[in-house]
Structures are given as C-alpha cells and as structure tokens.
C-alpha atoms as a PDB file:
ATOM      1  CA  UNK A   1      84.487  23.196 245.270  1.00  0.00           C
ATOM      2  CA  UNK A   2      84.382  23.267 249.080  1.00  0.00           C
ATOM      3  CA  UNK A   3      85.153  19.542 249.160  1.00  0.00           C
ATOM      4  CA  UNK A   4      88.244  20.066 247.023  1.00  0.00           C
ATOM      5  CA  UNK A   5      89.528  22.805 249.318  1.00  0.00           C
ATOM      6  CA  UNK A   6      88.891  20.606 252.348  1.00  0.00           C
ATOM      7  CA  UNK A   7      90.727  17.652 250.727  1.00  0.00           C
ATOM      8  CA  UNK A   8      93.714  19.813 249.789  1.00  0.00           C
ATOM      9  CA  UNK A   9      93.828  21.202 253.332  1.00  0.00           C
ATOM     10  CA  UNK A  10      93.718  17.720 254.856  1.00  0.00           C
ATOM     11  CA  UNK A  11      96.469  16.544 252.523  1.00  0.00           C
ATOM     12  CA  UNK A  12      98.654  19.539 253.378  1.00  0.00           C
ATOM     13  CA  UNK A  13      98.160  18.883 257.098  1.00  0.00           C
ATOM     14  CA  UNK A  14      99.097  15.216 256.598  1.00  0.00           C
ATOM     15  CA  UNK A  15     102.272  16.164 254.710  1.00  0.00           C
ATOM     16  CA  UNK A  16     103.247  18.696 257.392  1.00  0.00           C
ATOM     17  CA  UNK A  17     102.709  16.140 260.169  1.00  0.00           C
ATOM     18  CA  UNK A  18     104.699  13.483 258.300  1.00  0.00           C
ATOM     19  CA  UNK A  19     107.619  15.857 257.722  1.00  0.00           C
ATOM     20  CA  UNK A  20     107.592  16.926 261.366  1.00  0.00           C
ATOM     21  CA  UNK A  21     107.650  13.337 262.618  1.00  0.00           C
ATOM     22  CA  UNK A  22     110.421  12.425 260.177  1.00  0.00           C
ATOM     23  CA  UNK A  23     112.527  15.343 261.419  1.00  0.00           C
ATOM     24  CA  UNK A  24     112.029  14.367 265.062  1.00  0.00           C
ATOM     25  CA  UNK A  25     112.943  10.772 264.234  1.00  0.00           C
ATOM     26  CA  UNK A  26     116.091  11.851 262.411  1.00  0.00           C
ATOM     27  CA  UNK A  27     117.099  14.042 265.372  1.00  0.00           C
ATOM     28  CA  UNK A  28     116.664  11.081 267.730  1.00  0.00           C
ATOM     29  CA  UNK A  29     118.861   8.940 265.481  1.00  0.00           C
ATOM     30  CA  UNK A  30     121.581  11.621 265.423  1.00  0.00           C
ATOM     31  CA  UNK A  31     121.423  11.900 269.207  1.00  0.00           C
ATOM     32  CA  UNK A  32     122.013   8.158 269.572  1.00  0.00           C
ATOM     33  CA  UNK A  33     124.777   8.329 266.979  1.00  0.00           C
ATOM     34  CA  UNK A  34     126.472  11.106 268.961  1.00  0.00           C
ATOM     35  CA  UNK A  35     126.267   8.985 272.130  1.00  0.00           C
ATOM     36  CA  UNK A  36     127.884   6.054 270.342  1.00  0.00           C
ATOM     37  CA  UNK A  37     130.674   8.205 268.954  1.00  0.00           C
ATOM     38  CA  UNK A  38     131.312   9.700 272.407  1.00  0.00           C
ATOM     39  CA  UNK A  39     131.507   6.203 273.919  1.00  0.00           C
ATOM     40  CA  UNK A  40     133.955   4.983 271.281  1.00  0.00           C
ATOM     41  CA  UNK A  41     136.115   8.104 271.573  1.00  0.00           C
ATOM     42  CA  UNK A  42     136.213   7.852 275.381  1.00  0.00           C
ATOM     43  CA  UNK A  43     137.229   4.199 275.180  1.00  0.00           C
ATOM     44  CA  UNK A  44     139.974   5.025 272.680  1.00  0.00           C
ATOM     45  CA  UNK A  45     141.314   7.793 274.922  1.00  0.00           C
ATOM     46  CA  UNK A  46     141.203   5.577 278.016  1.00  0.00           C
ATOM     47  CA  UNK A  47     143.012   2.788 276.159  1.00  0.00           C
ATOM     48  CA  UNK A  48     145.740   5.204 275.103  1.00  0.00           C
ATOM     49  CA  UNK A  49     146.006   6.617 278.639  1.00  0.00           C
ATOM     50  CA  UNK A  50     146.435   3.128 280.091  1.00  0.00           C
ATOM     51  CA  UNK A  51     149.036   2.146 277.507  1.00  0.00           C
ATOM     52  CA  UNK A  52     146.849  -0.570 275.965  1.00  0.00           C
ATOM     53  CA  UNK A  53     147.335   1.200 272.621  1.00  0.00           C
ATOM     54  CA  UNK A  54     149.957   3.695 271.547  1.00  0.00           C
ATOM     55  CA  UNK A  55     149.274   7.370 271.002  1.00  0.00           C
ATOM     56  CA  UNK A  56     148.165  10.493 272.767  1.00  0.00           C
ATOM     57  CA  UNK A  57     144.760   9.911 274.409  1.00  0.00           C
ATOM     58  CA  UNK A  58     142.983  13.038 273.150  1.00  0.00           C
ATOM     59  CA  UNK A  59     144.440  12.568 269.670  1.00  0.00           C
ATOM     60  CA  UNK A  60     143.094   8.999 269.654  1.00  0.00           C
ATOM     61  CA  UNK A  61     139.668  10.256 270.674  1.00  0.00           C
ATOM     62  CA  UNK A  62     139.764  12.898 267.948  1.00  0.00           C
ATOM     63  CA  UNK A  63     140.700  10.332 265.308  1.00  0.00           C
ATOM     64  CA  UNK A  64     137.835   8.032 266.299  1.00  0.00           C
ATOM     65  CA  UNK A  65     135.359  10.909 266.259  1.00  0.00           C
ATOM     66  CA  UNK A  66     136.635  12.247 262.933  1.00  0.00           C
ATOM     67  CA  UNK A  67     136.259   8.808 261.337  1.00  0.00           C
ATOM     68  CA  UNK A  68     132.507   9.114 261.889  1.00  0.00           C
ATOM     69  CA  UNK A  69     132.197  12.761 260.885  1.00  0.00           C
ATOM     70  CA  UNK A  70     132.078  14.049 264.466  1.00  0.00           C
ATOM     71  CA  UNK A  71     134.382  16.433 266.316  1.00  0.00           C
ATOM     72  CA  UNK A  72     135.732  16.269 269.877  1.00  0.00           C
ATOM     73  CA  UNK A  73     134.943  19.492 271.729  1.00  0.00           C
ATOM     74  CA  UNK A  74     136.307  18.470 275.120  1.00  0.00           C
ATOM     75  CA  UNK A  75     138.835  15.880 276.251  1.00  0.00           C
ATOM     76  CA  UNK A  76     139.668  15.658 279.955  1.00  0.00           C
ATOM     77  CA  UNK A  77     141.971  13.044 281.471  1.00  0.00           C
ATOM     78  CA  UNK A  78     142.091  12.421 285.202  1.00  0.00           C
ATOM     79  CA  UNK A  79     144.513   9.613 285.774  1.00  0.00           C
ATOM     80  CA  UNK A  80     143.372   6.839 283.452  1.00  0.00           C
ATOM     81  CA  UNK A  81     139.781   8.097 283.211  1.00  0.00           C
ATOM     82  CA  UNK A  82     138.869   9.959 280.022  1.00  0.00           C
ATOM     83  CA  UNK A  83     135.834  12.219 279.697  1.00  0.00           C
ATOM     84  CA  UNK A  84     135.017  13.138 276.111  1.00  0.00           C
ATOM     85  CA  UNK A  85     132.410  15.438 274.580  1.00  0.00           C
ATOM     86  CA  UNK A  86     131.619  15.273 270.864  1.00  0.00           C
ATOM     87  CA  UNK A  87     129.516  17.192 268.373  1.00  0.00           C
ATOM     88  CA  UNK A  88     127.834  15.502 265.417  1.00  0.00           C
ATOM     89  CA  UNK A  89     126.486  17.842 262.716  1.00  0.00           C
ATOM     90  CA  UNK A  90     122.756  17.612 261.969  1.00  0.00           C
ATOM     91  CA  UNK A  91     121.782  20.019 259.201  1.00  0.00           C
ATOM     92  CA  UNK A  92     122.186  23.528 260.566  1.00  0.00           C
ATOM     93  CA  UNK A  93     122.124  22.171 264.123  1.00  0.00           C
ATOM     94  CA  UNK A  94     124.359  19.719 265.964  1.00  0.00           C
ATOM     95  CA  UNK A  95     123.892  16.835 268.368  1.00  0.00           C
ATOM     96  CA  UNK A  96     126.236  16.705 271.356  1.00  0.00           C
ATOM     97  CA  UNK A  97     127.043  13.876 273.722  1.00  0.00           C
ATOM     98  CA  UNK A  98     129.606  13.053 276.361  1.00  0.00           C
ATOM     99  CA  UNK A  99     131.007   9.821 277.732  1.00  0.00           C
ATOM    100  CA  UNK A 100     133.472   8.688 280.341  1.00  0.00           C
ATOM    101  CA  UNK A 101     135.686   5.586 280.225  1.00  0.00           C
ATOM    102  CA  UNK A 102     138.486   4.156 282.284  1.00  0.00           C
ATOM    103  CA  UNK A 103     139.318   1.459 284.769  1.00  0.00           C
ATOM    104  CA  UNK A 104     137.111   0.740 287.749  1.00  0.00           C
ATOM    105  CA  UNK A 105     138.708   2.450 290.740  1.00  0.00           C
ATOM    106  CA  UNK A 106     136.682   0.475 293.263  1.00  0.00           C
ATOM    107  CA  UNK A 107     135.597   3.705 294.943  1.00  0.00           C
ATOM    108  CA  UNK A 108     132.036   3.584 293.695  1.00  0.00           C
ATOM    109  CA  UNK A 109     129.996   4.220 290.585  1.00  0.00           C
ATOM    110  CA  UNK A 110     131.303   6.735 288.101  1.00  0.00           C
ATOM    111  CA  UNK A 111     129.291   9.975 288.068  1.00  0.00           C
ATOM    112  CA  UNK A 112     126.596   9.932 285.451  1.00  0.00           C
ATOM    113  CA  UNK A 113     125.847   6.223 285.755  1.00  0.00           C
END
C-alpha cells in the first residue's frame, strides 16, 4: 500500500513538472511571436512614413498586428522612424514587445540596439 501511494505521488509530481515546463515554453514562444509582430508592424509603419507604401503609418502597423491577432498599444513617429509596441494575448495574460524601424540617420546606433 505504501508503494502505491509513493508511485502515485511520484506520478503526480512528474505531471505537475511537465505542465509547468510546457507553460514556460509556451510563454517563451508567445514572447518571440510578440517580438516578430512588433518588428513587422514597425517596418510597415516606417514604410508608410517614407512613402514606400501608401497609407497612414500607424494604421498600417495596426493592420499588420491585427492580421496576427495582436494589437498595437503605442505608435510613435519621429520623422521617418516608427516605434511600435504590441500586445499578443496569452490565455489570461499578454505578451508585449516593442520595435523601432526607419532609415539609418548616420548619427549612430538606434537606442535599444
């Protein structure tokens, strides 16, 4: 009887550990997904700001983010440089990421690089 209780306890601990690791892995994937969406949205906004594509820069960023199920929470344009922040839902939580895109000004590295 004691062996059965010990086996059930070990199995329960294994299941709990597996579920915890799976959750952490899924959160890491969502974080990388959010970073990719932010990059794409920032590039879309910068392209629109430069005139490479038509449209309003922040609207372009919002459309790119929405196509992946994300939402733009911040869109800032300074000249031709777009800084975008997005939120990607993850269960009851959310993953956030930001990205900056635009032409090289020759002044130096962009902050955050």
